[in-house]
Protein backbone atom coordinates (compact mmCIF):
# COMPACT_ATOMS: atom_id res chain seq x y z
CA UNK A 1 100.08 116.96 84.58
CA UNK A 2 96.27 116.15 84.51
CA UNK A 3 96.78 113.62 86.84
CA UNK A 4 99.03 115.71 89.65
CA UNK A 5 96.45 118.58 89.03
CA UNK A 6 93.68 115.94 89.92
CA UNK A 7 95.31 115.16 92.73
CA UNK A 8 95.41 116.23 96.48
CA UNK A 9 97.55 113.82 98.19
CA UNK A 10 100.11 111.54 96.94
CA UNK A 11 100.33 108.28 99.10
CA UNK A 12 103.69 106.64 98.54
CA UNK A 13 105.86 103.87 100.38
CA UNK A 14 109.18 104.66 101.84
CA UNK A 15 111.34 103.06 98.63
CA UNK A 16 109.29 105.83 96.35
CA UNK A 17 109.66 108.25 98.95
CA UNK A 18 113.57 108.14 98.70
CA UNK A 19 113.83 107.78 95.26
CA UNK A 20 111.66 110.84 94.87
CA UNK A 21 113.16 113.02 97.68
CA UNK A 22 116.45 112.43 95.74
CA UNK A 23 114.85 114.02 92.50
CA UNK A 24 112.18 116.48 93.09
CA UNK A 25 113.17 118.87 95.93
CA UNK A 26 116.23 119.94 94.02
CA UNK A 27 114.95 119.37 90.04
CA UNK A 28 115.22 122.06 87.40
CA UNK A 29 114.59 121.97 83.84
CA UNK A 30 111.79 121.48 81.09
CA UNK A 31 108.87 120.95 83.68
CA UNK A 32 108.94 123.63 86.22
CA UNK A 33 104.65 123.20 86.50
CA UNK A 34 105.43 119.49 87.02
CA UNK A 35 108.17 120.12 89.46
CA UNK A 36 106.07 122.94 91.64
CA UNK A 37 103.38 120.20 91.19
CA UNK A 38 105.45 117.06 92.97
CA UNK A 39 106.98 119.56 95.51
CA UNK A 40 103.33 121.27 96.41
CA UNK A 41 100.99 118.60 96.40
CA UNK A 42 100.94 117.14 99.97
CA UNK A 43 102.45 113.65 100.44
CA UNK A 44 101.72 110.59 102.91
CA UNK A 45 104.66 108.59 103.12
CA UNK A 46 104.35 104.79 104.78
CA UNK A 47 107.08 103.78 106.64
CA UNK A 48 108.29 101.58 109.77
CA UNK A 49 111.54 103.14 109.84
CA UNK A 50 111.60 106.55 108.60
CA UNK A 51 111.29 109.26 111.40
CA UNK A 52 110.96 112.35 109.29
CA UNK A 53 111.17 113.05 105.58
CA UNK A 54 112.33 116.35 104.28
CA UNK A 55 110.46 117.24 101.38
CA UNK A 56 108.02 120.19 101.53
CA UNK A 57 104.60 119.30 102.43
CA UNK A 58 105.45 115.33 103.36
CA UNK A 59 104.39 113.46 106.53
CA UNK A 60 104.85 110.23 107.70
CA UNK A 61 101.73 108.47 108.27
CA UNK A 62 100.90 107.63 111.60
CA UNK A 63 97.82 105.09 111.53
CA UNK A 64 97.27 102.32 109.43
CA UNK A 65 96.96 102.58 105.78
CA UNK A 66 93.09 101.40 105.97
CA UNK A 67 92.56 104.65 108.57
CA UNK A 68 94.51 107.20 106.84
CA UNK A 69 92.58 106.27 103.85
CA UNK A 70 89.73 106.50 105.72
CA UNK A 71 90.27 109.71 106.94
CA UNK A 72 91.74 111.55 103.66
CA UNK A 73 88.64 110.02 101.49
CA UNK A 74 86.11 112.53 102.31
CA UNK A 75 88.26 115.76 102.19
CA UNK A 76 89.95 114.42 99.42
CA UNK A 77 86.94 112.55 97.04
CA UNK A 78 88.91 111.02 94.37
CA UNK A 79 92.19 113.10 94.49
CA UNK A 80 94.13 110.27 96.24
CA UNK A 81 96.99 109.08 93.93
CA UNK A 82 99.06 106.25 95.04
CA UNK A 83 102.30 106.62 93.56
CA UNK A 84 104.83 103.25 93.41
CA UNK A 85 105.61 100.68 96.10
CA UNK A 86 104.83 97.13 95.75
CA UNK A 87 104.31 96.56 99.71
CA UNK A 88 101.97 99.04 99.74
CA UNK A 89 100.24 97.96 96.45
CA UNK A 90 100.08 94.77 98.43
CA UNK A 91 98.12 96.30 101.07
CA UNK A 92 95.80 98.04 98.94
CA UNK A 93 94.81 94.87 97.37
CA UNK A 94 94.51 93.02 100.53
CA UNK A 95 92.32 95.21 102.33
CA UNK A 96 90.48 96.09 99.55
CA UNK A 97 91.21 99.62 99.20
CA UNK A 98 92.08 99.77 95.29
CA UNK A 99 89.02 101.13 94.36
CA UNK A 100 89.67 104.28 97.00
CA UNK A 101 92.85 105.43 95.34
CA UNK A 102 94.05 106.41 91.61
CA UNK A 103 97.15 104.19 90.97
CA UNK A 104 99.85 105.62 89.07
CA UNK A 105 101.44 102.53 86.81
CA UNK A 106 104.62 102.28 88.67
CA UNK A 107 105.40 99.87 91.35
CA UNK A 108 109.18 99.22 92.85
CA UNK A 109 110.24 95.91 94.63
CA UNK A 110 113.02 94.68 95.81
CA UNK A 111 111.51 90.79 96.08
CA UNK A 112 109.81 91.21 99.65
CA UNK A 113 106.66 89.58 98.74
């Protein structure tokens, strides 16, 4: 919860987004504050195939990862949190952007790299 409170924007890839959209919008249970924060926090989704995301405060990135992070960084400071996605992680590494975001220790892959 501490990490979510400090997060201004969640940065996620398509497969991670699919998993999260399948859970968080309708989540109920013992952690209503986590659910509220996950749904309420702005989300930036990187995808070559999605045209829209049916999740509160989510939008599809319209620029490159580097451009989007550069645009968000002055507004969000340390509040950018990358959550999952091995392709997105590889891009962050290749572009030297790992210092620009906080990292959630989760990666999902189907072996594309």
